[in-house]
Amino acid sequence: MPRRRATTIATEGRLALVPGPANSRMFVYLAGNWLHRIERERRELYFGDLDLALVAELIGTGGVEPGMRDAGFRAKHKDFSTAIPVAEQRAMNASSIATAAGIPRETVRRKIAKLLKLGFIVEKEPARYVLKPGVLLEPERQAAFARGIEQTVRFVNELLENGVVRWEPAKKGKAVARK
């Protein structure tokens, strides 16, 4: 069966930034508050080490990024009801992670060593890593994800309530292209 790729998503509309500089301070203020709440969660999950969080998250998102462009993969893994097997994840190396994170490769290597020791990641190929299947299904991570989703919805609602973004209905019969 051929792979199905989604390049557009049919929606009833989308959020749009209200034009003009008048609300830029409000956006920065609300975004700063949201980031603070999210960073506090990340610090708690990763023992106060945000570089460790960054490396783990890059391995996790990089591992599923190609699959998330495929409609079949997205349908299969849209929630946390199952773990994503090692074979279905793209492995990441220290150089790629360092480039994406903007931190030194030696720092990334130390963080990878710690994540391996913690059992958070596994080596799929020599010097190439993926998340350990099931690690994201652990109750403390699921609770943190739920809080993060709640905080993100709160942020989006605050943007709407403060007139920073607005809802724009879709034109009838047209899919809205994703950017």
Protein backbone atom coordinates (compact mmCIF):
# COMPACT_ATOMS: atom_id res chain seq x y z
CA MET A 1 0.00 0.00 0.00
CA PRO A 2 1.48 3.42 -0.90
CA ARG A 3 2.28 5.87 1.85
CA ARG A 4 -0.27 8.62 2.27
CA ARG A 5 1.10 12.07 2.94
CA ALA A 6 -0.97 14.90 4.28
CA THR A 7 -0.05 18.26 2.83
CA THR A 8 -3.32 19.95 3.69
CA ILE A 9 -5.81 19.50 6.45
CA ALA A 10 -9.47 20.29 5.94
CA THR A 11 -10.55 22.52 8.82
CA GLU A 12 -13.34 24.90 9.62
CA GLY A 13 -10.78 27.67 9.96
CA ARG A 14 -7.64 28.62 11.80
CA LEU A 15 -6.17 31.10 14.22
CA ALA A 16 -4.54 34.19 12.73
CA LEU A 17 -2.38 36.84 14.31
CA VAL A 18 -4.19 40.16 14.55
CA PRO A 19 -2.25 42.51 12.23
CA GLY A 20 -0.15 45.37 13.54
CA PRO A 21 2.33 45.93 16.34
CA ALA A 22 -0.30 46.97 18.89
CA ASN A 23 -0.43 43.59 20.65
CA SER A 24 3.20 42.48 20.38
CA ARG A 25 3.91 43.27 24.05
CA MET A 26 0.86 41.25 25.08
CA PHE A 27 2.01 38.29 22.96
CA VAL A 28 5.51 38.38 24.47
CA TYR A 29 4.04 38.66 27.98
CA LEU A 30 1.64 35.72 27.50
CA ALA A 31 4.26 33.61 25.72
CA GLY A 32 6.75 34.30 28.51
CA ASN A 33 4.27 33.14 31.13
CA TRP A 34 3.47 30.01 29.12
CA LEU A 35 7.17 29.20 28.63
CA HIS A 36 7.81 29.67 32.35
CA ARG A 37 5.07 27.17 33.21
CA ILE A 38 6.34 24.65 30.63
CA GLU A 39 9.99 25.05 31.69
CA ARG A 40 9.05 24.36 35.30
CA GLU A 41 7.52 21.04 34.18
CA ARG A 42 10.61 20.19 32.12
CA ARG A 43 12.95 20.95 35.04
CA GLU A 44 10.96 18.62 37.25
CA LEU A 45 10.97 15.77 34.69
CA TYR A 46 14.70 16.08 33.93
CA PHE A 47 16.22 16.62 37.39
CA GLY A 48 16.66 20.36 36.88
CA ASP A 49 18.77 19.81 33.74
CA LEU A 50 17.24 21.64 30.77
CA ASP A 51 20.06 20.52 28.44
CA LEU A 52 19.18 16.93 29.32
CA ALA A 53 15.53 17.75 28.54
CA LEU A 54 16.49 19.31 25.23
CA VAL A 55 18.59 16.33 24.12
CA ALA A 56 15.89 13.83 25.13
CA GLU A 57 13.17 15.85 23.40
CA LEU A 58 15.20 16.22 20.20
CA ILE A 59 15.79 12.47 20.10
CA GLY A 60 12.06 11.94 20.66
CA THR A 61 10.77 14.45 18.12
CA GLY A 62 13.49 13.67 15.58
CA GLY A 63 12.69 10.01 15.91
CA VAL A 64 9.07 10.40 14.87
CA GLU A 65 9.32 13.44 12.59
CA PRO A 66 9.45 11.53 9.28
CA GLY A 67 6.57 9.32 10.39
CA MET A 68 4.40 12.23 11.47
CA ARG A 69 4.40 13.41 7.84
CA ASP A 70 2.70 10.12 6.91
CA ALA A 71 -1.06 9.91 7.46
CA GLY A 72 -0.94 6.19 8.30
CA PHE A 73 1.79 6.65 10.93
CA ARG A 74 -0.07 9.62 12.46
CA ALA A 75 -3.29 7.63 12.65
CA LYS A 76 -1.48 4.73 14.34
CA HIS A 77 0.48 6.87 16.81
CA LYS A 78 -1.69 9.94 17.36
CA ASP A 79 -2.05 9.24 21.07
CA PHE A 80 -0.18 7.43 23.82
CA SER A 81 -2.17 4.21 23.72
CA THR A 82 0.86 2.33 22.36
CA ALA A 83 4.62 2.67 22.35
CA ILE A 84 6.43 3.41 19.09
CA PRO A 85 8.80 0.50 18.37
CA VAL A 86 12.52 1.15 17.82
CA ALA A 87 12.16 0.04 14.18
CA GLU A 88 9.62 2.83 13.52
CA GLN A 89 11.84 5.59 14.94
CA ARG A 90 14.58 7.46 13.06
CA ALA A 91 17.83 7.37 15.04
CA MET A 92 19.68 10.59 15.90
CA ASN A 93 23.43 11.07 16.39
CA ALA A 94 25.26 13.51 18.66
CA SER A 95 26.28 15.83 15.81
CA SER A 96 22.71 16.22 14.56
CA ILE A 97 21.44 16.81 18.08
CA ALA A 98 24.18 19.37 18.82
CA THR A 99 23.38 21.27 15.63
CA ALA A 100 19.64 21.27 16.33
CA ALA A 101 20.11 22.24 19.99
CA GLY A 102 22.85 24.79 19.51
CA ILE A 103 24.95 23.23 22.26
CA PRO A 104 28.43 21.64 22.07
CA ARG A 105 28.66 18.06 20.83
CA GLU A 106 30.57 17.02 23.97
CA THR A 107 27.69 18.29 26.12
CA VAL A 108 25.30 16.28 23.96
CA ARG A 109 27.47 13.16 24.36
CA ARG A 110 27.41 13.54 28.16
CA LYS A 111 23.63 13.97 28.12
CA ILE A 112 23.25 10.92 25.85
CA ALA A 113 25.35 8.87 28.29
CA LYS A 114 23.10 9.98 31.15
CA LEU A 115 19.91 9.23 29.19
CA LEU A 116 21.24 5.75 28.36
CA LYS A 117 22.06 5.14 32.03
CA LEU A 118 18.58 6.31 33.03
CA GLY A 119 17.03 3.94 30.48
CA PHE A 120 15.33 6.79 28.65
CA ILE A 121 16.94 6.11 25.27
CA VAL A 122 18.45 3.10 23.49
CA GLU A 123 21.16 2.77 20.87
CA LYS A 124 19.45 1.70 17.62
CA GLU A 125 22.66 1.66 15.60
CA PRO A 126 26.22 2.48 16.64
CA ALA A 127 26.19 6.05 18.02
CA ARG A 128 22.57 6.59 16.89
CA TYR A 129 19.78 6.83 19.44
CA VAL A 130 16.00 6.62 19.81
CA LEU A 131 13.59 6.82 22.73
CA LYS A 132 13.14 3.57 24.60
CA PRO A 133 9.70 2.27 23.57
CA GLY A 134 7.20 2.87 26.35
CA VAL A 135 9.21 5.51 28.23
CA LEU A 136 6.63 8.17 27.34
CA LEU A 137 3.84 5.96 28.67
CA GLU A 138 5.17 6.13 32.25
CA PRO A 139 2.57 7.68 34.58
CA GLU A 140 4.71 10.67 35.64
CA ARG A 141 5.38 11.56 32.01
CA GLN A 142 1.73 11.15 31.07
CA ALA A 143 0.73 13.45 33.93
CA ALA A 144 3.32 16.02 32.81
CA PHE A 145 2.05 15.84 29.21
CA ALA A 146 -1.52 16.38 30.42
CA ARG A 147 -0.42 19.46 32.38
CA GLY A 148 1.56 20.73 29.38
CA ILE A 149 -1.43 20.34 27.08
CA GLU A 150 -3.62 22.11 29.62
CA GLN A 151 -1.12 24.99 29.86
CA THR A 152 -0.91 25.24 26.06
CA VAL A 153 -4.70 25.42 25.70
CA ARG A 154 -4.71 28.07 28.43
CA PHE A 155 -2.08 30.07 26.48
CA VAL A 156 -4.06 29.87 23.24
CA ASN A 157 -7.24 30.95 25.05
CA GLU A 158 -5.37 33.88 26.64
CA LEU A 159 -4.20 34.94 23.16
CA LEU A 160 -7.80 34.86 21.94
CA GLU A 161 -9.21 36.61 25.02
CA ASN A 162 -6.65 39.42 24.77
CA GLY A 163 -7.19 39.99 21.05
CA VAL A 164 -3.71 38.85 20.02
CA VAL A 165 -5.10 36.20 17.67
CA ARG A 166 -8.51 35.74 16.10
CA TRP A 167 -10.42 32.90 14.50
CA GLU A 168 -10.68 33.05 10.72
CA PRO A 169 -13.27 30.72 9.21
CA ALA A 170 -12.12 28.69 6.20
CA LYS A 171 -13.42 29.54 2.78
CA LYS A 172 -16.18 27.12 1.85
CA GLY A 173 -15.03 23.92 0.18
CA LYS A 174 -11.30 24.63 0.55
CA ALA A 175 -8.66 22.92 2.64
CA VAL A 176 -6.33 25.18 4.58
CA ALA A 177 -2.69 24.62 3.62
CA ARG A 178 -0.32 23.99 6.51
CA LYS A 179 2.76 26.16 6.68
